[in-house]
Amino acid sequence: MKKILVIGASGFVGKNLAQQLLADGYTVRCLARNPSKVQFLADAGCEIVQGDISDLASIQNAVKSVDAVYISVHTISAQPANTESKGFMDVEMSGIQNIVAACKMYKVNRVIYVTFLGTDANADSAWIRGRWQTEQYLLKSGLDATIIRPGMIVGIGGQGYNSVVGNAKRRFAMILGNGKPKFRSIAVTDLAYYLVGVLNDPRTFGQAYDVGGKELLTIPQMVDLVAEVLGRPHPKKIHIPVSLLGLFSPLIERMGKMPKGAMKGLVDSIKADAIGDPSPIIAILPRPLLSFRQASEKALG
């Protein structure tokens, strides 16, 4: 019986992953800044340890005696007070370095890291470039690392999908940018399938995989599809210029207690397609994936 550590279990992906690991018979330990936020996972049978990726001692404590580590963190969101002065990707990179150090200390070789579709060394967005750099650091760390890159994750609780649903319920949908970039999507249950599926497969060591369905949809198209699932008319679209969001990014970061540069990194990331190529992971873990509409019907009940 393997013991698996999930870092980021209080987040949308992390909690679904932890629940799937439990369902598949694994012993699960979850790292959380605030254990009270994941009491439902403790009630389900997870061991909860308090800590944060910015604190090496707490990471060492969490990694001790586990067989594998999943990393699903979202450093664009609010961070601990002692990291507010750091750039948002500096927070993530230093956290990944702490995790690697702890894994080497306790000889935990297996690490799986969730990022997103479209990571690129030369992207305009500091977020996209930063995620690529953390991926490369982990892949070159000497550990048996696998990177999983999902597109739009469909399920209630996902920040991107929650925004789509909120817009679908309104008469006027607020679309960031021109609404032309296209995205793959994946149901959170399908993502959990891939995350657990690669765990014990040596073919996936040292590899990065794009994951998502066949459809390529714009955000306005997603909004309209969700509106149809909800039995509502398509909302009228109001486009917010990216330049305007960029202008107010520093203020939004301060009000939201986000790390420095996080909002601008997010704004810049919506300018590009997030398509990738999911065929390599499909060859290893074949599974009929839910379409965006099917996943929305499941999510919205």
Protein backbone atom coordinates (compact mmCIF):
# COMPACT_ATOMS: atom_id res chain seq x y z
CA MET A 1 0.00 0.00 0.00
CA LYS A 2 1.70 3.18 -1.18
CA LYS A 3 1.47 6.43 0.78
CA ILE A 4 1.02 9.43 -1.48
CA LEU A 5 1.53 13.09 -0.58
CA VAL A 6 -0.72 15.65 -2.27
CA ILE A 7 0.62 19.20 -2.08
CA GLY A 8 -2.20 21.63 -2.78
CA ALA A 9 -5.01 19.42 -1.51
CA SER A 10 -7.15 22.41 -0.52
CA GLY A 11 -7.28 23.47 -4.18
CA PHE A 12 -9.73 22.34 -6.82
CA VAL A 13 -7.47 19.80 -8.56
CA GLY A 14 -5.75 18.65 -5.37
CA LYS A 15 -8.93 17.72 -3.52
CA ASN A 16 -10.31 15.78 -6.50
CA LEU A 17 -6.98 13.99 -6.88
CA ALA A 18 -6.86 13.09 -3.19
CA GLN A 19 -10.37 11.68 -3.36
CA GLN A 20 -9.50 9.60 -6.43
CA LEU A 21 -6.36 8.24 -4.80
CA LEU A 22 -8.40 7.20 -1.76
CA ALA A 23 -10.97 5.53 -4.01
CA ASP A 24 -8.16 3.60 -5.71
CA GLY A 25 -6.89 2.27 -2.39
CA TYR A 26 -3.89 4.48 -1.71
CA THR A 27 -2.98 5.92 1.67
CA VAL A 28 -3.10 9.70 1.24
CA ARG A 29 -1.37 12.49 3.12
CA CYS A 30 -2.38 16.07 2.32
CA LEU A 31 -0.39 19.24 2.90
CA ALA A 32 -2.46 22.32 3.70
CA ARG A 33 -1.73 25.78 5.07
CA ASN A 34 -5.02 25.69 6.94
CA PRO A 35 -6.02 22.12 7.89
CA SER A 36 -9.56 23.23 8.74
CA LYS A 37 -10.16 23.88 5.02
CA VAL A 38 -9.59 20.21 4.21
CA GLN A 39 -11.44 18.67 7.15
CA PHE A 40 -13.66 16.90 4.61
CA LEU A 41 -10.57 15.05 3.34
CA ALA A 42 -9.61 14.09 6.89
CA ASP A 43 -13.14 12.77 7.37
CA ALA A 44 -12.72 10.73 4.17
CA GLY A 45 -9.52 9.12 5.49
CA CYS A 46 -6.65 11.42 4.50
CA GLU A 47 -3.85 12.29 6.90
CA ILE A 48 -3.56 16.09 7.08
CA VAL A 49 -0.30 17.89 7.83
CA GLN A 50 0.06 21.64 8.12
CA GLY A 51 2.62 23.44 6.01
CA ASP A 52 3.44 25.44 2.92
CA ILE A 53 5.84 25.04 0.00
CA SER A 54 7.69 28.19 1.12
CA ASP A 55 8.63 26.51 4.43
CA LEU A 56 11.31 23.85 3.90
CA ALA A 57 10.89 22.33 7.37
CA SER A 58 7.18 21.72 6.85
CA ILE A 59 7.85 20.21 3.41
CA GLN A 60 10.44 17.87 4.90
CA ASN A 61 7.92 16.81 7.52
CA ALA A 62 5.27 16.15 4.88
CA VAL A 63 7.57 14.20 2.53
CA LYS A 64 8.99 11.92 5.22
CA SER A 65 7.83 8.29 4.77
CA VAL A 66 5.81 8.79 1.57
CA ASP A 67 6.35 6.95 -1.72
CA ALA A 68 5.35 9.66 -4.19
CA VAL A 69 4.48 13.36 -4.29
CA TYR A 70 1.88 15.24 -6.33
CA ILE A 71 2.27 19.01 -6.70
CA SER A 72 -0.84 21.02 -7.57
CA VAL A 73 -0.26 24.61 -6.49
CA HIS A 74 -1.65 27.91 -7.73
CA THR A 75 0.78 30.70 -6.85
CA ILE A 76 -1.26 33.33 -8.69
CA SER A 77 -3.66 33.22 -5.73
CA ALA A 78 -3.04 34.92 -2.37
CA GLN A 79 0.15 33.71 -0.65
CA PRO A 80 1.52 33.77 2.92
CA ALA A 81 2.55 37.19 4.22
CA ASN A 82 6.25 36.34 4.20
CA THR A 83 6.18 35.84 0.40
CA GLU A 84 4.22 38.95 -0.65
CA SER A 85 7.35 40.87 -1.67
CA LYS A 86 8.50 38.07 -3.99
CA GLY A 87 7.54 37.71 -7.64
CA PHE A 88 4.78 35.15 -8.01
CA MET A 89 6.85 32.66 -10.00
CA ASP A 90 9.75 33.10 -7.54
CA VAL A 91 7.36 31.76 -4.89
CA GLU A 92 6.61 28.71 -6.99
CA MET A 93 10.20 28.03 -8.04
CA SER A 94 11.52 28.27 -4.48
CA GLY A 95 8.68 25.98 -3.39
CA ILE A 96 9.57 23.41 -6.06
CA GLN A 97 13.21 23.61 -4.96
CA ASN A 98 12.13 22.89 -1.37
CA ILE A 99 10.11 19.89 -2.53
CA VAL A 100 13.01 18.49 -4.57
CA ALA A 101 15.39 18.94 -1.63
CA ALA A 102 12.99 17.16 0.73
CA CYS A 103 12.43 14.32 -1.75
CA LYS A 104 16.18 13.78 -2.13
CA MET A 105 16.63 13.92 1.64
CA TYR A 106 14.15 11.09 2.16
CA LYS A 107 14.85 9.24 -1.14
CA VAL A 108 11.38 9.85 -2.55
CA ASN A 109 11.94 9.62 -6.30
CA ARG A 110 8.44 9.87 -7.77
CA VAL A 111 7.02 13.37 -8.32
CA ILE A 112 4.07 14.48 -10.49
CA TYR A 113 3.51 18.18 -11.15
CA VAL A 114 0.32 19.75 -12.52
CA THR A 115 0.84 22.88 -14.64
CA PHE A 116 -1.24 23.92 -17.69
CA LEU A 117 -1.40 23.75 -21.46
CA GLY A 118 0.78 26.15 -23.39
CA THR A 119 3.89 26.47 -21.22
CA ASP A 120 6.59 28.04 -23.37
CA ALA A 121 10.07 29.41 -22.76
CA ASN A 122 9.42 32.35 -25.10
CA ALA A 123 5.84 33.27 -24.16
CA ASP A 124 4.78 36.89 -23.58
CA SER A 125 3.28 35.92 -20.23
CA ALA A 126 5.65 35.73 -17.25
CA TRP A 127 3.32 33.08 -15.81
CA ILE A 128 3.64 30.84 -18.87
CA ARG A 129 7.42 31.33 -19.03
CA GLY A 130 7.76 30.76 -15.29
CA ARG A 131 5.77 27.55 -15.36
CA TRP A 132 7.97 26.27 -18.19
CA GLN A 133 11.06 27.04 -16.10
CA THR A 134 9.72 25.19 -13.06
CA GLU A 135 8.83 22.24 -15.28
CA GLN A 136 12.36 22.14 -16.67
CA TYR A 137 13.89 22.40 -13.22
CA LEU A 138 11.85 19.44 -12.01
CA LEU A 139 12.52 17.34 -15.12
CA LYS A 140 16.27 17.92 -14.68
CA SER A 141 16.23 17.34 -10.92
CA GLY A 142 17.24 13.68 -11.10
CA LEU A 143 13.86 12.58 -9.73
CA ASP A 144 11.36 10.41 -11.61
CA ALA A 145 9.23 13.39 -12.55
CA THR A 146 6.16 13.66 -14.78
CA ILE A 147 4.46 16.89 -15.83
CA ILE A 148 0.72 16.96 -16.58
CA ARG A 149 -0.57 20.01 -18.49
CA PRO A 150 -4.38 20.32 -18.52
CA GLY A 151 -6.39 22.83 -20.51
CA MET A 152 -9.54 24.42 -19.09
CA ILE A 153 -10.53 22.13 -16.21
CA VAL A 154 -14.29 21.61 -16.14
CA GLY A 155 -15.82 21.32 -12.70
CA ILE A 156 -17.31 23.54 -10.02
CA GLY A 157 -14.45 24.98 -8.02
CA GLY A 158 -12.06 25.58 -10.88
CA GLN A 159 -11.35 29.30 -11.12
CA GLY A 160 -11.48 29.44 -14.92
CA TYR A 161 -14.61 27.31 -15.17
CA ASN A 162 -16.34 29.16 -12.35
CA SER A 163 -15.83 32.36 -14.34
CA VAL A 164 -17.38 30.74 -17.42
CA VAL A 165 -20.41 29.59 -15.41
CA GLY A 166 -20.82 32.99 -13.79
CA ASN A 167 -20.83 34.67 -17.19
CA ALA A 168 -23.28 32.12 -18.60
CA LYS A 169 -25.80 33.11 -15.90
CA ARG A 170 -25.73 36.79 -16.80
CA ARG A 171 -27.43 38.77 -19.54
CA PHE A 172 -24.06 40.36 -20.35
CA ALA A 173 -20.91 38.21 -20.25
CA MET A 174 -17.64 39.99 -19.47
CA ILE A 175 -14.96 38.51 -21.74
CA LEU A 176 -11.30 39.31 -21.09
CA GLY A 177 -9.57 40.30 -24.31
CA ASN A 178 -10.92 39.67 -27.80
CA GLY A 179 -12.22 36.17 -27.01
CA LYS A 180 -10.45 34.60 -30.00
CA PRO A 181 -7.84 32.30 -28.36
CA LYS A 182 -8.83 28.63 -28.36
CA PHE A 183 -8.51 26.16 -25.53
CA ARG A 184 -8.77 22.44 -24.92
CA SER A 185 -10.81 21.41 -21.93
CA ILE A 186 -10.87 18.40 -19.66
CA ALA A 187 -13.32 17.21 -17.02
CA VAL A 188 -11.75 17.17 -13.58
CA THR A 189 -12.58 13.45 -13.31
CA ASP A 190 -10.68 12.75 -16.55
CA LEU A 191 -7.74 14.79 -15.27
CA ALA A 192 -7.71 12.75 -12.04
CA TYR A 193 -7.70 9.58 -14.17
CA TYR A 194 -4.54 10.72 -15.96
CA LEU A 195 -2.85 11.88 -12.77
CA VAL A 196 -3.37 8.55 -11.03
CA GLY A 197 -2.75 6.60 -14.23
CA VAL A 198 0.81 7.82 -14.68
CA LEU A 199 1.79 7.20 -11.05
CA ASN A 200 3.24 3.70 -11.44
CA ASP A 201 4.12 3.79 -15.16
CA PRO A 202 7.90 4.09 -15.76
CA ARG A 203 7.23 5.14 -19.37
CA THR A 204 6.04 8.49 -18.04
CA PHE A 205 9.17 9.26 -16.01
CA GLY A 206 10.92 12.37 -17.31
CA GLN A 207 8.02 13.27 -19.60
CA ALA A 208 5.56 16.17 -19.93
CA TYR A 209 2.05 15.51 -21.24
CA ASP A 210 -0.66 17.81 -22.59
CA VAL A 211 -4.10 16.56 -21.58
CA GLY A 212 -7.51 17.51 -22.93
CA GLY A 213 -10.27 16.53 -25.33
CA LYS A 214 -10.56 16.94 -29.09
CA GLU A 215 -12.61 20.15 -29.03
CA LEU A 216 -10.96 23.53 -29.43
CA LEU A 217 -13.26 26.22 -28.00
CA THR A 218 -13.02 29.93 -27.31
CA ILE A 219 -14.19 31.34 -23.98
CA PRO A 220 -17.32 32.89 -25.61
CA GLN A 221 -18.17 29.47 -27.05
CA MET A 222 -17.75 27.87 -23.63
CA VAL A 223 -20.00 30.52 -22.08
CA ASP A 224 -22.72 29.82 -24.65
CA LEU A 225 -22.48 26.04 -24.18
CA VAL A 226 -22.82 26.39 -20.40
CA ALA A 227 -25.78 28.74 -20.91
CA GLU A 228 -27.45 26.03 -23.02
CA VAL A 229 -26.79 23.41 -20.31
CA LEU A 230 -28.40 25.76 -17.80
CA GLY A 231 -31.37 26.35 -20.11
CA ARG A 232 -30.56 30.04 -20.50
CA PRO A 233 -30.19 32.25 -23.58
CA HIS A 234 -26.72 33.06 -24.84
CA PRO A 235 -25.57 36.23 -23.06
CA LYS A 236 -24.41 39.27 -24.97
CA LYS A 237 -20.62 39.62 -24.87
CA ILE A 238 -18.78 42.66 -23.55
CA HIS A 239 -15.04 42.52 -24.20
CA ILE A 240 -12.66 44.07 -21.67
CA PRO A 241 -9.43 45.27 -23.34
CA VAL A 242 -6.35 43.45 -22.08
CA SER A 243 -4.51 46.78 -21.97
CA LEU A 244 -7.05 48.09 -19.45
CA LEU A 245 -6.61 45.07 -17.20
CA GLY A 246 -2.85 45.44 -17.42
CA LEU A 247 -3.11 49.05 -16.28
CA PHE A 248 -4.96 48.07 -13.09
CA SER A 249 -2.99 44.87 -12.41
CA PRO A 250 -0.86 46.31 -9.56
CA LEU A 251 -3.97 47.56 -7.75
CA ILE A 252 -5.76 44.22 -8.19
CA GLU A 253 -2.71 42.40 -6.84
CA ARG A 254 -2.58 44.59 -3.71
CA MET A 255 -6.32 44.28 -3.05
CA GLY A 256 -6.25 40.52 -3.58
CA LYS A 257 -2.99 40.03 -1.64
CA MET A 258 -1.57 38.36 -4.73
CA PRO A 259 2.19 38.02 -5.28
CA LYS A 260 3.88 40.76 -7.31
CA GLY A 261 3.30 40.36 -11.05
CA ALA A 262 0.66 37.64 -10.68
CA MET A 263 -2.26 39.54 -12.22
CA LYS A 264 -0.22 40.78 -15.17
CA GLY A 265 1.04 37.24 -15.77
CA LEU A 266 -2.55 36.00 -15.81
CA VAL A 267 -3.72 38.81 -18.11
CA ASP A 268 -0.89 38.18 -20.58
CA SER A 269 -1.66 34.44 -20.61
CA ILE A 270 -5.16 34.91 -22.05
CA LYS A 271 -3.79 36.33 -25.29
CA ALA A 272 -2.55 32.97 -26.61
CA ASP A 273 -4.13 29.67 -27.64
CA ALA A 274 -3.79 26.74 -25.21
CA ILE A 275 -4.07 23.76 -27.52
CA GLY A 276 -1.09 21.43 -27.11
CA ASP A 277 -1.03 17.83 -28.35
CA PRO A 278 -2.70 15.21 -26.13
CA SER A 279 -1.91 12.24 -28.42
CA PRO A 280 1.15 10.99 -26.40
CA ILE A 281 -0.85 10.55 -23.18
CA ILE A 282 -3.78 9.04 -25.08
CA ALA A 283 -1.43 6.36 -26.46
CA ILE A 284 -0.43 5.40 -22.91
CA LEU A 285 -3.78 5.87 -21.12
CA PRO A 286 -6.60 5.49 -23.64
CA ARG A 287 -9.98 6.64 -22.36
CA PRO A 288 -13.03 8.25 -23.99
CA LEU A 289 -12.99 11.74 -22.51
CA LEU A 290 -16.09 13.76 -21.72
CA SER A 291 -16.80 16.60 -24.13
CA PHE A 292 -17.08 20.13 -22.74
CA ARG A 293 -20.89 19.88 -22.84
CA GLN A 294 -20.92 16.44 -21.19
CA ALA A 295 -18.49 17.57 -18.50
CA SER A 296 -20.61 20.68 -17.90
CA GLU A 297 -23.78 18.62 -17.61
CA LYS A 298 -22.03 16.46 -15.03
CA ALA A 299 -20.62 19.44 -13.14
CA LEU A 300 -23.86 21.42 -13.11
CA GLY A 301 -26.09 18.49 -12.33
